[in-house]
Amino acid sequence: MKKIRKYKKEREELIISSDNHMCRPRKSNKKSDVR
């Protein structure tokens, strides 16, 4: 149980970090599109 819990927590952090990386380019793309 503990191992699974730790893995899940690490995976959630990974997903959050990947979401941040995906959001940044999108925002910059939108700005460039507006210009």
PDB file of N, CA and C in Angstrom:
ATOM      1  N   MET A   1       0.836  -1.208   0.000  1.00  0.00           N
ATOM      2  CA  MET A   1       0.000   0.000   0.000  1.00  0.00           C
ATOM      3  C   MET A   1       0.875   1.264   0.000  1.00  0.00           C
ATOM      4  N   LYS A   2       1.863   1.283   0.889  1.00  0.00           N
ATOM      5  CA  LYS A   2       2.712   2.483   0.967  1.00  0.00           C
ATOM      6  C   LYS A   2       3.413   2.733  -0.368  1.00  0.00           C
ATOM      7  N   LYS A   3       3.960   1.670  -0.954  1.00  0.00           N
ATOM      8  CA  LYS A   3       4.674   1.837  -2.229  1.00  0.00           C
ATOM      9  C   LYS A   3       3.732   2.391  -3.295  1.00  0.00           C
ATOM     10  N   ILE A   4       2.538   1.828  -3.360  1.00  0.00           N
ATOM     11  CA  ILE A   4       1.566   2.290  -4.368  1.00  0.00           C
ATOM     12  C   ILE A   4       1.219   3.761  -4.111  1.00  0.00           C
ATOM     13  N   ARG A   5       1.036   4.095  -2.850  1.00  0.00           N
ATOM     14  CA  ARG A   5       0.676   5.472  -2.492  1.00  0.00           C
ATOM     15  C   ARG A   5       1.793   6.420  -2.936  1.00  0.00           C
ATOM     16  N   LYS A   6       3.038   6.042  -2.652  1.00  0.00           N
ATOM     17  CA  LYS A   6       4.169   6.888  -3.025  1.00  0.00           C
ATOM     18  C   LYS A   6       4.234   7.034  -4.547  1.00  0.00           C
ATOM     19  N   TYR A   7       4.046   5.939  -5.251  1.00  0.00           N
ATOM     20  CA  TYR A   7       4.094   5.977  -6.713  1.00  0.00           C
ATOM     21  C   TYR A   7       3.008   6.906  -7.253  1.00  0.00           C
ATOM     22  N   LYS A   8       1.823   6.805  -6.656  1.00  0.00           N
ATOM     23  CA  LYS A   8       0.706   7.644  -7.110  1.00  0.00           C
ATOM     24  C   LYS A   8       1.035   9.119  -6.885  1.00  0.00           C
ATOM     25  N   LYS A   9       1.589   9.427  -5.727  1.00  0.00           N
ATOM     26  CA  LYS A   9       1.925  10.822  -5.410  1.00  0.00           C
ATOM     27  C   LYS A   9       2.970  11.341  -6.402  1.00  0.00           C
ATOM     28  N   GLU A  10       4.008  10.552  -6.651  1.00  0.00           N
ATOM     29  CA  GLU A  10       5.054  10.978  -7.592  1.00  0.00           C
ATOM     30  C   GLU A  10       4.452  11.185  -8.974  1.00  0.00           C
ATOM     31  N   ARG A  11       3.546  10.290  -9.350  1.00  0.00           N
ATOM     32  CA  ARG A  11       2.941  10.388 -10.685  1.00  0.00           C
ATOM     33  C   ARG A  11       2.092  11.661 -10.772  1.00  0.00           C
ATOM     34  N   GLU A  12       1.375  11.989  -9.703  1.00  0.00           N
ATOM     35  CA  GLU A  12       0.556  13.214  -9.711  1.00  0.00           C
ATOM     36  C   GLU A  12       1.459  14.428  -9.898  1.00  0.00           C
ATOM     37  N   GLU A  13       2.597  14.451  -9.205  1.00  0.00           N
ATOM     38  CA  GLU A  13       3.534  15.576  -9.351  1.00  0.00           C
ATOM     39  C   GLU A  13       4.040  15.635 -10.785  1.00  0.00           C
ATOM     40  N   LEU A  14       4.318  14.463 -11.354  1.00  0.00           N
ATOM     41  CA  LEU A  14       4.797  14.414 -12.739  1.00  0.00           C
ATOM     42  C   LEU A  14       3.745  14.999 -13.671  1.00  0.00           C
ATOM     43  N   ILE A  15       2.504  14.593 -13.487  1.00  0.00           N
ATOM     44  CA  ILE A  15       1.405  15.087 -14.341  1.00  0.00           C
ATOM     45  C   ILE A  15       1.285  16.604 -14.190  1.00  0.00           C
ATOM     46  N   ILE A  16       1.367  17.089 -12.962  1.00  0.00           N
ATOM     47  CA  ILE A  16       1.242  18.538 -12.726  1.00  0.00           C
ATOM     48  C   ILE A  16       2.374  19.273 -13.441  1.00  0.00           C
ATOM     49  N   SER A  17       3.608  18.778 -13.306  1.00  0.00           N
ATOM     50  CA  SER A  17       4.747  19.434 -13.950  1.00  0.00           C
ATOM     51  C   SER A  17       4.599  19.383 -15.465  1.00  0.00           C
ATOM     52  N   SER A  18       4.127  18.258 -16.000  1.00  0.00           N
ATOM     53  CA  SER A  18       3.953  18.137 -17.453  1.00  0.00           C
ATOM     54  C   SER A  18       2.853  19.098 -17.904  1.00  0.00           C
ATOM     55  N   ASP A  19       1.806  19.261 -17.097  1.00  0.00           N
ATOM     56  CA  ASP A  19       0.722  20.187 -17.449  1.00  0.00           C
ATOM     57  C   ASP A  19       1.287  21.605 -17.508  1.00  0.00           C
ATOM     58  N   ASN A  20       2.129  21.966 -16.563  1.00  0.00           N
ATOM     59  CA  ASN A  20       2.723  23.303 -16.552  1.00  0.00           C
ATOM     60  C   ASN A  20       3.541  23.516 -17.822  1.00  0.00           C
ATOM     61  N   HIS A  21       4.301  22.500 -18.224  1.00  0.00           N
ATOM     62  CA  HIS A  21       5.128  22.624 -19.425  1.00  0.00           C
ATOM     63  C   HIS A  21       4.246  22.781 -20.659  1.00  0.00           C
ATOM     64  N   MET A  22       3.117  22.083 -20.671  1.00  0.00           N
ATOM     65  CA  MET A  22       2.220  22.159 -21.835  1.00  0.00           C
ATOM     66  C   MET A  22       1.502  23.509 -21.861  1.00  0.00           C
ATOM     67  N   CYS A  23       1.195  24.050 -20.686  1.00  0.00           N
ATOM     68  CA  CYS A  23       0.444  25.315 -20.618  1.00  0.00           C
ATOM     69  C   CYS A  23       1.322  26.484 -21.080  1.00  0.00           C
ATOM     70  N   ARG A  24       2.581  26.477 -20.723  1.00  0.00           N
ATOM     71  CA  ARG A  24       3.457  27.611 -21.063  1.00  0.00           C
ATOM     72  C   ARG A  24       3.546  27.829 -22.576  1.00  0.00           C
ATOM     73  N   PRO A  25       3.854  26.791 -23.349  1.00  0.00           N
ATOM     74  CA  PRO A  25       3.932  26.987 -24.804  1.00  0.00           C
ATOM     75  C   PRO A  25       2.595  27.456 -25.369  1.00  0.00           C
ATOM     76  N   ARG A  26       1.499  26.918 -24.862  1.00  0.00           N
ATOM     77  CA  ARG A  26       0.169  27.317 -25.356  1.00  0.00           C
ATOM     78  C   ARG A  26      -0.032  28.815 -25.137  1.00  0.00           C
ATOM     79  N   LYS A  27       0.306  29.296 -23.957  1.00  0.00           N
ATOM     80  CA  LYS A  27       0.114  30.729 -23.670  1.00  0.00           C
ATOM     81  C   LYS A  27       0.977  31.561 -24.622  1.00  0.00           C
ATOM     82  N   SER A  28       2.221  31.177 -24.791  1.00  0.00           N
ATOM     83  CA  SER A  28       3.120  31.933 -25.668  1.00  0.00           C
ATOM     84  C   SER A  28       2.601  31.870 -27.102  1.00  0.00           C
ATOM     85  N   ASN A  29       2.067  30.708 -27.495  1.00  0.00           N
ATOM     86  CA  ASN A  29       1.523  30.565 -28.849  1.00  0.00           C
ATOM     87  C   ASN A  29       0.331  31.506 -29.027  1.00  0.00           C
ATOM     88  N   LYS A  30      -0.515  31.574 -28.024  1.00  0.00           N
ATOM     89  CA  LYS A  30      -1.693  32.451 -28.113  1.00  0.00           C
ATOM     90  C   LYS A  30      -1.231  33.902 -28.255  1.00  0.00           C
ATOM     91  N   LYS A  31      -0.240  34.289 -27.486  1.00  0.00           N
ATOM     92  CA  LYS A  31       0.267  35.670 -27.563  1.00  0.00           C
ATOM     93  C   LYS A  31       0.798  35.947 -28.972  1.00  0.00           C
ATOM     94  N   SER A  32       1.561  35.005 -29.510  1.00  0.00           N
ATOM     95  CA  SER A  32       2.128  35.200 -30.848  1.00  0.00           C
ATOM     96  C   SER A  32       1.001  35.230 -31.884  1.00  0.00           C
ATOM     97  N   ASP A  33      -0.037  34.429 -31.662  1.00  0.00           N
ATOM     98  CA  ASP A  33      -1.166  34.412 -32.606  1.00  0.00           C
ATOM     99  C   ASP A  33      -1.864  35.776 -32.601  1.00  0.00           C
ATOM    100  N   VAL A  34      -2.019  36.353 -31.416  1.00  0.00           N
ATOM    101  CA  VAL A  34      -2.704  37.653 -31.316  1.00  0.00           C
ATOM    102  C   VAL A  34      -1.885  38.705 -32.057  1.00  0.00           C
ATOM    103  N   ARG A  35      -0.563  38.684 -31.897  1.00  0.00           N
ATOM    104  CA  ARG A  35       0.295  39.665 -32.569  1.00  0.00           C
ATOM    105  C   ARG A  35       0.255  39.408 -34.067  1.00  0.00           C
TER     106      ARG A  35
END
